Amino acid sequence: MEKDNKNLRAAMLKKRYANVILKSQQQVLGKAFDGEKMKKKAKLCEKQLQEEKPKSQLERDRKAARITIESIHGTVHFDDALQAERDFLAIISATSPW
């Protein structure tokens, strides 16, 4: 999961700063710069980002569901109705049918 988060973040940053990366490599490489190759690389990063987002969202949803399920506590007991009847009869000072 940690690795997926790092990959997602790297892909997001590459997409966000693609123009800056492209311009800086063009300046550094000069005539040896291959624009088409860099555009293909940028599209590949964008594709990876699109693939990583659903995986990451799915992991977060599963984790939230797991936490919710673990936090559920039993609030009803099998003899609650019987105890409620006994309490009611005690309040009205009635004799118990038992």
PDB file of N, CA and C in Angstrom:
ATOM      1  N   MET A   1       0.830  -1.184   0.000  1.00  0.00           N
ATOM      2  CA  MET A   1       0.000   0.000   0.000  1.00  0.00           C
ATOM      3  C   MET A   1       0.876   1.250   0.000  1.00  0.00           C
ATOM      4  N   GLU A   2       1.918   1.233   0.789  1.00  0.00           N
ATOM      5  CA  GLU A   2       2.845   2.363   0.857  1.00  0.00           C
ATOM      6  C   GLU A   2       3.482   2.600  -0.508  1.00  0.00           C
ATOM      7  N   LYS A   3       3.831   1.514  -1.185  1.00  0.00           N
ATOM      8  CA  LYS A   3       4.454   1.617  -2.502  1.00  0.00           C
ATOM      9  C   LYS A   3       3.462   2.198  -3.503  1.00  0.00           C
ATOM     10  N   ASP A   4       2.189   1.787  -3.404  1.00  0.00           N
ATOM     11  CA  ASP A   4       1.166   2.316  -4.300  1.00  0.00           C
ATOM     12  C   ASP A   4       0.998   3.813  -4.113  1.00  0.00           C
ATOM     13  N   ASN A   5       1.023   4.273  -2.863  1.00  0.00           N
ATOM     14  CA  ASN A   5       0.902   5.702  -2.587  1.00  0.00           C
ATOM     15  C   ASN A   5       2.070   6.480  -3.176  1.00  0.00           C
ATOM     16  N   LYS A   6       3.271   5.923  -3.066  1.00  0.00           N
ATOM     17  CA  LYS A   6       4.445   6.589  -3.625  1.00  0.00           C
ATOM     18  C   LYS A   6       4.365   6.647  -5.142  1.00  0.00           C
ATOM     19  N   ASN A   7       3.937   5.558  -5.762  1.00  0.00           N
ATOM     20  CA  ASN A   7       3.802   5.535  -7.216  1.00  0.00           C
ATOM     21  C   ASN A   7       2.749   6.529  -7.689  1.00  0.00           C
ATOM     22  N   LEU A   8       1.643   6.601  -6.970  1.00  0.00           N
ATOM     23  CA  LEU A   8       0.582   7.534  -7.316  1.00  0.00           C
ATOM     24  C   LEU A   8       1.071   8.964  -7.191  1.00  0.00           C
ATOM     25  N   ARG A   9       1.766   9.257  -6.117  1.00  0.00           N
ATOM     26  CA  ARG A   9       2.287  10.618  -5.910  1.00  0.00           C
ATOM     27  C   ARG A   9       3.303  10.978  -6.993  1.00  0.00           C
ATOM     28  N   ALA A  10       4.190  10.037  -7.328  1.00  0.00           N
ATOM     29  CA  ALA A  10       5.191  10.292  -8.368  1.00  0.00           C
ATOM     30  C   ALA A  10       4.506  10.570  -9.709  1.00  0.00           C
ATOM     31  N   ALA A  11       3.490   9.785 -10.029  1.00  0.00           N
ATOM     32  CA  ALA A  11       2.771   9.984 -11.286  1.00  0.00           C
ATOM     33  C   ALA A  11       2.051  11.334 -11.304  1.00  0.00           C
ATOM     34  N   MET A  12       1.467  11.716 -10.164  1.00  0.00           N
ATOM     35  CA  MET A  12       0.785  13.008 -10.081  1.00  0.00           C
ATOM     36  C   MET A  12       1.766  14.159 -10.277  1.00  0.00           C
ATOM     37  N   LEU A  13       2.933  14.064  -9.639  1.00  0.00           N
ATOM     38  CA  LEU A  13       3.932  15.126  -9.770  1.00  0.00           C
ATOM     39  C   LEU A  13       4.482  15.208 -11.188  1.00  0.00           C
ATOM     40  N   LYS A  14       4.709  14.060 -11.809  1.00  0.00           N
ATOM     41  CA  LYS A  14       5.197  14.057 -13.185  1.00  0.00           C
ATOM     42  C   LYS A  14       4.183  14.697 -14.120  1.00  0.00           C
ATOM     43  N   LYS A  15       2.898  14.406 -13.904  1.00  0.00           N
ATOM     44  CA  LYS A  15       1.866  15.006 -14.744  1.00  0.00           C
ATOM     45  C   LYS A  15       1.783  16.510 -14.499  1.00  0.00           C
ATOM     46  N   ARG A  16       1.848  16.888 -13.246  1.00  0.00           N
ATOM     47  CA  ARG A  16       1.711  18.296 -12.887  1.00  0.00           C
ATOM     48  C   ARG A  16       2.847  19.146 -13.451  1.00  0.00           C
ATOM     49  N   TYR A  17       4.060  18.612 -13.410  1.00  0.00           N
ATOM     50  CA  TYR A  17       5.221  19.376 -13.845  1.00  0.00           C
ATOM     51  C   TYR A  17       5.775  18.881 -15.179  1.00  0.00           C
ATOM     52  N   ALA A  18       4.932  18.273 -15.996  1.00  0.00           N
ATOM     53  CA  ALA A  18       5.382  17.730 -17.280  1.00  0.00           C
ATOM     54  C   ALA A  18       5.970  18.818 -18.170  1.00  0.00           C
ATOM     55  N   ASN A  19       5.336  19.978 -18.220  1.00  0.00           N
ATOM     56  CA  ASN A  19       5.838  21.064 -19.074  1.00  0.00           C
ATOM     57  C   ASN A  19       7.195  21.559 -18.598  1.00  0.00           C
ATOM     58  N   VAL A  20       7.372  21.679 -17.306  1.00  0.00           N
ATOM     59  CA  VAL A  20       8.646  22.143 -16.750  1.00  0.00           C
ATOM     60  C   VAL A  20       9.742  21.124 -17.048  1.00  0.00           C
ATOM     61  N   ILE A  21       9.429  19.863 -16.859  1.00  0.00           N
ATOM     62  CA  ILE A  21      10.400  18.800 -17.140  1.00  0.00           C
ATOM     63  C   ILE A  21      10.768  18.807 -18.620  1.00  0.00           C
ATOM     64  N   LEU A  22       9.766  18.952 -19.467  1.00  0.00           N
ATOM     65  CA  LEU A  22       9.983  18.967 -20.910  1.00  0.00           C
ATOM     66  C   LEU A  22      10.891  20.124 -21.325  1.00  0.00           C
ATOM     67  N   LYS A  23      10.605  21.319 -20.838  1.00  0.00           N
ATOM     68  CA  LYS A  23      11.413  22.496 -21.189  1.00  0.00           C
ATOM     69  C   LYS A  23      12.833  22.390 -20.662  1.00  0.00           C
ATOM     70  N   SER A  24      12.993  21.897 -19.432  1.00  0.00           N
ATOM     71  CA  SER A  24      14.337  21.805 -18.861  1.00  0.00           C
ATOM     72  C   SER A  24      15.178  20.769 -19.609  1.00  0.00           C
ATOM     73  N   GLN A  25      14.575  19.659 -19.986  1.00  0.00           N
ATOM     74  CA  GLN A  25      15.328  18.658 -20.735  1.00  0.00           C
ATOM     75  C   GLN A  25      15.674  19.166 -22.129  1.00  0.00           C
ATOM     76  N   GLN A  26      14.796  19.978 -22.696  1.00  0.00           N
ATOM     77  CA  GLN A  26      15.074  20.556 -24.005  1.00  0.00           C
ATOM     78  C   GLN A  26      16.274  21.496 -23.918  1.00  0.00           C
ATOM     79  N   GLN A  27      16.344  22.285 -22.847  1.00  0.00           N
ATOM     80  CA  GLN A  27      17.472  23.200 -22.667  1.00  0.00           C
ATOM     81  C   GLN A  27      18.765  22.433 -22.409  1.00  0.00           C
ATOM     82  N   VAL A  28      18.682  21.393 -21.598  1.00  0.00           N
ATOM     83  CA  VAL A  28      19.884  20.634 -21.243  1.00  0.00           C
ATOM     84  C   VAL A  28      20.410  19.843 -22.436  1.00  0.00           C
ATOM     85  N   LEU A  29      19.524  19.178 -23.151  1.00  0.00           N
ATOM     86  CA  LEU A  29      19.953  18.304 -24.233  1.00  0.00           C
ATOM     87  C   LEU A  29      20.203  19.032 -25.553  1.00  0.00           C
ATOM     88  N   GLY A  30      19.566  20.180 -25.713  1.00  0.00           N
ATOM     89  CA  GLY A  30      19.771  20.959 -26.946  1.00  0.00           C
ATOM     90  C   GLY A  30      19.255  20.211 -28.158  1.00  0.00           C
ATOM     91  N   LYS A  31      20.140  19.990 -29.151  1.00  0.00           N
ATOM     92  CA  LYS A  31      19.734  19.351 -30.406  1.00  0.00           C
ATOM     93  C   LYS A  31      19.452  17.861 -30.235  1.00  0.00           C
ATOM     94  N   ALA A  32      19.997  17.255 -29.214  1.00  0.00           N
ATOM     95  CA  ALA A  32      19.789  15.834 -28.984  1.00  0.00           C
ATOM     96  C   ALA A  32      18.414  15.541 -28.375  1.00  0.00           C
ATOM     97  N   PHE A  33      17.661  16.586 -28.097  1.00  0.00           N
ATOM     98  CA  PHE A  33      16.344  16.440 -27.476  1.00  0.00           C
ATOM     99  C   PHE A  33      15.352  15.854 -28.473  1.00  0.00           C
ATOM    100  N   ASP A  34      14.633  14.820 -28.039  1.00  0.00           N
ATOM    101  CA  ASP A  34      13.619  14.172 -28.873  1.00  0.00           C
ATOM    102  C   ASP A  34      12.235  14.477 -28.281  1.00  0.00           C
ATOM    103  N   GLY A  35      11.554  15.430 -28.868  1.00  0.00           N
ATOM    104  CA  GLY A  35      10.254  15.882 -28.368  1.00  0.00           C
ATOM    105  C   GLY A  35       9.190  14.800 -28.396  1.00  0.00           C
ATOM    106  N   GLU A  36       9.161  14.017 -29.453  1.00  0.00           N
ATOM    107  CA  GLU A  36       8.159  12.956 -29.568  1.00  0.00           C
ATOM    108  C   GLU A  36       8.334  11.912 -28.469  1.00  0.00           C
ATOM    109  N   LYS A  37       9.573  11.568 -28.205  1.00  0.00           N
ATOM    110  CA  LYS A  37       9.860  10.576 -27.161  1.00  0.00           C
ATOM    111  C   LYS A  37       9.386  11.090 -25.796  1.00  0.00           C
ATOM    112  N   MET A  38       9.623  12.373 -25.544  1.00  0.00           N
ATOM    113  CA  MET A  38       9.207  12.954 -24.259  1.00  0.00           C
ATOM    114  C   MET A  38       7.692  13.032 -24.151  1.00  0.00           C
ATOM    115  N   LYS A  39       7.013  13.327 -25.266  1.00  0.00           N
ATOM    116  CA  LYS A  39       5.548  13.380 -25.241  1.00  0.00           C
ATOM    117  C   LYS A  39       4.965  11.992 -24.969  1.00  0.00           C
ATOM    118  N   LYS A  40       5.586  10.967 -25.556  1.00  0.00           N
ATOM    119  CA  LYS A  40       5.141   9.601 -25.300  1.00  0.00           C
ATOM    120  C   LYS A  40       5.334   9.240 -23.835  1.00  0.00           C
ATOM    121  N   LYS A  41       6.456   9.679 -23.281  1.00  0.00           N
ATOM    122  CA  LYS A  41       6.748   9.418 -21.869  1.00  0.00           C
ATOM    123  C   LYS A  41       5.721  10.110 -20.971  1.00  0.00           C
ATOM    124  N   ALA A  42       5.352  11.361 -21.336  1.00  0.00           N
ATOM    125  CA  ALA A  42       4.360  12.111 -20.562  1.00  0.00           C
ATOM    126  C   ALA A  42       3.000  11.417 -20.622  1.00  0.00           C
ATOM    127  N   LYS A  43       2.630  10.915 -21.800  1.00  0.00           N
ATOM    128  CA  LYS A  43       1.355  10.208 -21.927  1.00  0.00           C
ATOM    129  C   LYS A  43       1.363   8.916 -21.120  1.00  0.00           C
ATOM    130  N   LEU A  44       2.514   8.246 -21.094  1.00  0.00           N
ATOM    131  CA  LEU A  44       2.634   7.030 -20.299  1.00  0.00           C
ATOM    132  C   LEU A  44       2.444   7.333 -18.812  1.00  0.00           C
ATOM    133  N   CYS A  45       3.025   8.428 -18.344  1.00  0.00           N
ATOM    134  CA  CYS A  45       2.856   8.827 -16.937  1.00  0.00           C
ATOM    135  C   CYS A  45       1.398   9.138 -16.633  1.00  0.00           C
ATOM    136  N   GLU A  46       0.743   9.798 -17.565  1.00  0.00           N
ATOM    137  CA  GLU A  46      -0.668  10.132 -17.367  1.00  0.00           C
ATOM    138  C   GLU A  46      -1.517   8.863 -17.326  1.00  0.00           C
ATOM    139  N   LYS A  47      -1.190   7.905 -18.181  1.00  0.00           N
ATOM    140  CA  LYS A  47      -1.908   6.634 -18.191  1.00  0.00           C
ATOM    141  C   LYS A  47      -1.711   5.901 -16.866  1.00  0.00           C
ATOM    142  N   GLN A  48      -0.479   5.905 -16.344  1.00  0.00           N
ATOM    143  CA  GLN A  48      -0.209   5.264 -15.062  1.00  0.00           C
ATOM    144  C   GLN A  48      -1.014   5.928 -13.950  1.00  0.00           C
ATOM    145  N   LEU A  49      -1.108   7.246 -14.016  1.00  0.00           N
ATOM    146  CA  LEU A  49      -1.868   7.985 -13.008  1.00  0.00           C
ATOM    147  C   LEU A  49      -3.333   7.575 -13.046  1.00  0.00           C
ATOM    148  N   GLN A  50      -3.887   7.445 -14.244  1.00  0.00           N
ATOM    149  CA  GLN A  50      -5.287   7.054 -14.371  1.00  0.00           C
ATOM    150  C   GLN A  50      -5.527   5.635 -13.859  1.00  0.00           C
ATOM    151  N   GLU A  51      -4.525   4.764 -14.002  1.00  0.00           N
ATOM    152  CA  GLU A  51      -4.662   3.397 -13.510  1.00  0.00           C
ATOM    153  C   GLU A  51      -4.494   3.324 -11.995  1.00  0.00           C
ATOM    154  N   GLU A  52      -3.628   4.157 -11.445  1.00  0.00           N
ATOM    155  CA  GLU A  52      -3.337   4.121 -10.016  1.00  0.00           C
ATOM    156  C   GLU A  52      -4.458   4.717  -9.181  1.00  0.00           C
ATOM    157  N   LYS A  53      -5.157   5.727  -9.690  1.00  0.00           N
ATOM    158  CA  LYS A  53      -6.202   6.391  -8.912  1.00  0.00           C
ATOM    159  C   LYS A  53      -7.287   5.435  -8.435  1.00  0.00           C
ATOM    160  N   PRO A  54      -7.880   4.623  -9.316  1.00  0.00           N
ATOM    161  CA  PRO A  54      -8.928   3.710  -8.827  1.00  0.00           C
ATOM    162  C   PRO A  54      -8.412   2.708  -7.801  1.00  0.00           C
ATOM    163  N   LYS A  55      -7.192   2.220  -7.977  1.00  0.00           N
ATOM    164  CA  LYS A  55      -6.627   1.273  -7.020  1.00  0.00           C
ATOM    165  C   LYS A  55      -6.497   1.924  -5.654  1.00  0.00           C
ATOM    166  N   SER A  56      -5.987   3.141  -5.660  1.00  0.00           N
ATOM    167  CA  SER A  56      -5.786   3.862  -4.408  1.00  0.00           C
ATOM    168  C   SER A  56      -7.127   4.146  -3.728  1.00  0.00           C
ATOM    169  N   GLN A  57      -8.115   4.570  -4.508  1.00  0.00           N
ATOM    170  CA  GLN A  57      -9.436   4.867  -3.960  1.00  0.00           C
ATOM    171  C   GLN A  57     -10.073   3.601  -3.405  1.00  0.00           C
ATOM    172  N   LEU A  58      -9.911   2.500  -4.114  1.00  0.00           N
ATOM    173  CA  LEU A  58     -10.464   1.227  -3.665  1.00  0.00           C
ATOM    174  C   LEU A  58      -9.836   0.796  -2.346  1.00  0.00           C
ATOM    175  N   GLU A  59      -8.535   0.966  -2.224  1.00  0.00           N
ATOM    176  CA  GLU A  59      -7.844   0.616  -0.968  1.00  0.00           C
ATOM    177  C   GLU A  59      -8.373   1.460   0.189  1.00  0.00           C
ATOM    178  N   ARG A  60      -8.551   2.772  -0.055  1.00  0.00           N
ATOM    179  CA  ARG A  60      -9.076   3.652   1.008  1.00  0.00           C
ATOM    180  C   ARG A  60     -10.490   3.250   1.404  1.00  0.00           C
ATOM    181  N   ASP A  61     -11.326   2.908   0.416  1.00  0.00           N
ATOM    182  CA  ASP A  61     -12.699   2.497   0.710  1.00  0.00           C
ATOM    183  C   ASP A  61     -12.732   1.210   1.518  1.00  0.00           C
ATOM    184  N   ARG A  62     -11.885   0.265   1.146  1.00  0.00           N
ATOM    185  CA  ARG A  62     -11.828  -0.998   1.887  1.00  0.00           C
ATOM    186  C   ARG A  62     -11.370  -0.784   3.323  1.00  0.00           C
ATOM    187  N   LYS A  63     -10.371   0.068   3.486  1.00  0.00           N
ATOM    188  CA  LYS A  63      -9.855   0.340   4.826  1.00  0.00           C
ATOM    189  C   LYS A  63     -10.933   0.999   5.687  1.00  0.00           C
ATOM    190  N   ALA A  64     -11.661   1.956   5.111  1.00  0.00           N
ATOM    191  CA  ALA A  64     -12.733   2.628   5.852  1.00  0.00           C
ATOM    192  C   ALA A  64     -13.835   1.636   6.226  1.00  0.00           C
ATOM    193  N   ALA A  65     -14.185   0.747   5.321  1.00  0.00           N
ATOM    194  CA  ALA A  65     -15.211  -0.253   5.606  1.00  0.00           C
ATOM    195  C   ALA A  65     -14.745  -1.204   6.700  1.00  0.00           C
ATOM    196  N   ARG A  66     -13.480  -1.602   6.645  1.00  0.00           N
ATOM    197  CA  ARG A  66     -12.931  -2.510   7.655  1.00  0.00           C
ATOM    198  C   ARG A  66     -12.972  -1.854   9.038  1.00  0.00           C
ATOM    199  N   ILE A  67     -12.596  -0.589   9.115  1.00  0.00           N
ATOM    200  CA  ILE A  67     -12.607   0.132  10.399  1.00  0.00           C
ATOM    201  C   ILE A  67     -14.034   0.247  10.917  1.00  0.00           C
ATOM    202  N   THR A  68     -14.974   0.539  10.025  1.00  0.00           N
ATOM    203  CA  THR A  68     -16.376   0.661  10.426  1.00  0.00           C
ATOM    204  C   THR A  68     -16.903  -0.655  10.978  1.00  0.00           C
ATOM    205  N   ILE A  69     -16.611  -1.738  10.307  1.00  0.00           N
ATOM    206  CA  ILE A  69     -17.083  -3.052  10.756  1.00  0.00           C
ATOM    207  C   ILE A  69     -16.468  -3.419  12.101  1.00  0.00           C
ATOM    208  N   GLU A  70     -15.179  -3.129  12.275  1.00  0.00           N
ATOM    209  CA  GLU A  70     -14.519  -3.454  13.539  1.00  0.00           C
ATOM    210  C   GLU A  70     -15.047  -2.616  14.696  1.00  0.00           C
ATOM    211  N   SER A  71     -15.566  -1.418  14.397  1.00  0.00           N
ATOM    212  CA  SER A  71     -16.034  -0.543  15.469  1.00  0.00           C
ATOM    213  C   SER A  71     -17.477  -0.837  15.888  1.00  0.00           C
ATOM    214  N   ILE A  72     -18.152  -1.716  15.181  1.00  0.00           N
ATOM    215  CA  ILE A  72     -19.533  -2.052  15.538  1.00  0.00           C
ATOM    216  C   ILE A  72     -19.521  -2.964  16.768  1.00  0.00           C
ATOM    217  N   HIS A  73     -20.293  -2.578  17.764  1.00  0.00           N
ATOM    218  CA  HIS A  73     -20.398  -3.370  18.985  1.00  0.00           C
ATOM    219  C   HIS A  73     -21.829  -3.887  19.102  1.00  0.00           C
ATOM    220  N   GLY A  74     -21.989  -5.067  19.691  1.00  0.00           N
ATOM    221  CA  GLY A  74     -23.321  -5.603  19.922  1.00  0.00           C
ATOM    222  C   GLY A  74     -24.049  -4.752  20.951  1.00  0.00           C
ATOM    223  N   THR A  75     -25.196  -4.215  20.574  1.00  0.00           N
ATOM    224  CA  THR A  75     -25.941  -3.355  21.498  1.00  0.00           C
ATOM    225  C   THR A  75     -27.223  -4.010  21.977  1.00  0.00           C
ATOM    226  N   VAL A  76     -27.586  -5.128  21.393  1.00  0.00           N
ATOM    227  CA  VAL A  76     -28.811  -5.809  21.782  1.00  0.00           C
ATOM    228  C   VAL A  76     -28.451  -7.201  22.297  1.00  0.00           C
ATOM    229  N   HIS A  77     -29.068  -7.555  23.411  1.00  0.00           N
ATOM    230  CA  HIS A  77     -28.853  -8.878  23.984  1.00  0.00           C
ATOM    231  C   HIS A  77     -30.151  -9.656  23.869  1.00  0.00           C
ATOM    232  N   PHE A  78     -30.066 -10.971  23.910  1.00  0.00           N
ATOM    233  CA  PHE A  78     -31.233 -11.801  23.682  1.00  0.00           C
ATOM    234  C   PHE A  78     -32.302 -11.643  24.768  1.00  0.00           C
ATOM    235  N   ASP A  79     -31.906 -11.346  25.972  1.00  0.00           N
ATOM    236  CA  ASP A  79     -32.892 -11.250  27.049  1.00  0.00           C
ATOM    237  C   ASP A  79     -33.320  -9.817  27.344  1.00  0.00           C
ATOM    238  N   ASP A  80     -33.077  -8.892  26.461  1.00  0.00           N
ATOM    239  CA  ASP A  80     -33.466  -7.493  26.678  1.00  0.00           C
ATOM    240  C   ASP A  80     -34.975  -7.329  26.825  1.00  0.00           C
ATOM    241  N   ALA A  81     -35.752  -7.999  26.013  1.00  0.00           N
ATOM    242  CA  ALA A  81     -37.211  -7.867  26.083  1.00  0.00           C
ATOM    243  C   ALA A  81     -37.735  -8.401  27.411  1.00  0.00           C
ATOM    244  N   LEU A  82     -37.199  -9.511  27.861  1.00  0.00           N
ATOM    245  CA  LEU A  82     -37.626 -10.092  29.128  1.00  0.00           C
ATOM    246  C   LEU A  82     -37.268  -9.162  30.292  1.00  0.00           C
ATOM    247  N   GLN A  83     -36.061  -8.598  30.254  1.00  0.00           N
ATOM    248  CA  GLN A  83     -35.647  -7.679  31.313  1.00  0.00           C
ATOM    249  C   GLN A  83     -36.503  -6.414  31.301  1.00  0.00           C
ATOM    250  N   ALA A  84     -36.859  -5.938  30.120  1.00  0.00           N
ATOM    251  CA  ALA A  84     -37.713  -4.755  30.019  1.00  0.00           C
ATOM    252  C   ALA A  84     -39.089  -5.035  30.620  1.00  0.00           C
ATOM    253  N   GLU A  85     -39.622  -6.213  30.371  1.00  0.00           N
ATOM    254  CA  GLU A  85     -40.921  -6.576  30.950  1.00  0.00           C
ATOM    255  C   GLU A  85     -40.827  -6.646  32.468  1.00  0.00           C
ATOM    256  N   ARG A  86     -39.771  -7.224  32.981  1.00  0.00           N
ATOM    257  CA  ARG A  86     -39.591  -7.315  34.441  1.00  0.00           C
ATOM    258  C   ARG A  86     -39.477  -5.920  35.056  1.00  0.00           C
ATOM    259  N   ASP A  87     -38.727  -5.044  34.412  1.00  0.00           N
ATOM    260  CA  ASP A  87     -38.589  -3.670  34.916  1.00  0.00           C
ATOM    261  C   ASP A  87     -39.936  -2.953  34.910  1.00  0.00           C
ATOM    262  N   PHE A  88     -40.691  -3.139  33.850  1.00  0.00           N
ATOM    263  CA  PHE A  88     -42.006  -2.505  33.745  1.00  0.00           C
ATOM    264  C   PHE A  88     -42.936  -2.998  34.853  1.00  0.00           C
ATOM    265  N   LEU A  89     -42.939  -4.301  35.074  1.00  0.00           N
ATOM    266  CA  LEU A  89     -43.786  -4.860  36.123  1.00  0.00           C
ATOM    267  C   LEU A  89     -43.350  -4.384  37.496  1.00  0.00           C
ATOM    268  N   ALA A  90     -42.059  -4.208  37.712  1.00  0.00           N
ATOM    269  CA  ALA A  90     -41.572  -3.707  38.999  1.00  0.00           C
ATOM    270  C   ALA A  90     -41.996  -2.260  39.209  1.00  0.00           C
ATOM    271  N   ILE A  91     -41.999  -1.484  38.132  1.00  0.00           N
ATOM    272  CA  ILE A  91     -42.387  -0.070  38.244  1.00  0.00           C
ATOM    273  C   ILE A  91     -43.861   0.060  38.612  1.00  0.00           C
ATOM    274  N   ILE A  92     -44.689  -0.750  38.006  1.00  0.00           N
ATOM    275  CA  ILE A  92     -46.126  -0.624  38.284  1.00  0.00           C
ATOM    276  C   ILE A  92     -46.553  -1.492  39.475  1.00  0.00           C
ATOM    277  N   SER A  93     -45.593  -2.097  40.121  1.00  0.00           N
ATOM    278  CA  SER A  93     -45.838  -2.928  41.305  1.00  0.00           C
ATOM    279  C   SER A  93     -46.808  -4.066  41.030  1.00  0.00           C
ATOM    280  N   ALA A  94     -46.699  -4.640  39.906  1.00  0.00           N
ATOM    281  CA  ALA A  94     -47.542  -5.774  39.538  1.00  0.00           C
ATOM    282  C   ALA A  94     -46.848  -7.065  39.975  1.00  0.00           C
ATOM    283  N   THR A  95     -47.629  -8.069  40.121  1.00  0.00           N
ATOM    284  CA  THR A  95     -47.053  -9.355  40.466  1.00  0.00           C
ATOM    285  C   THR A  95     -46.571 -10.047  39.201  1.00  0.00           C
ATOM    286  N   SER A  96     -45.506 -10.719  39.328  1.00  0.00           N
ATOM    287  CA  SER A  96     -44.900 -11.395  38.179  1.00  0.00           C
ATOM    288  C   SER A  96     -45.673 -12.669  37.869  1.00  0.00           C
ATOM    289  N   PRO A  97     -45.927 -12.932  36.577  1.00  0.00           N
ATOM    290  CA  PRO A  97     -46.658 -14.148  36.211  1.00  0.00           C
ATOM    291  C   PRO A  97     -45.798 -15.414  36.397  1.00  0.00           C
ATOM    292  N   TRP A  98     -44.587 -15.289  36.775  1.00  0.00           N
ATOM    293  CA  TRP A  98     -43.713 -16.460  36.941  1.00  0.00           C
ATOM    294  C   TRP A  98     -43.844 -16.961  38.324  1.00  0.00           C
TER     295      TRP A  98
END
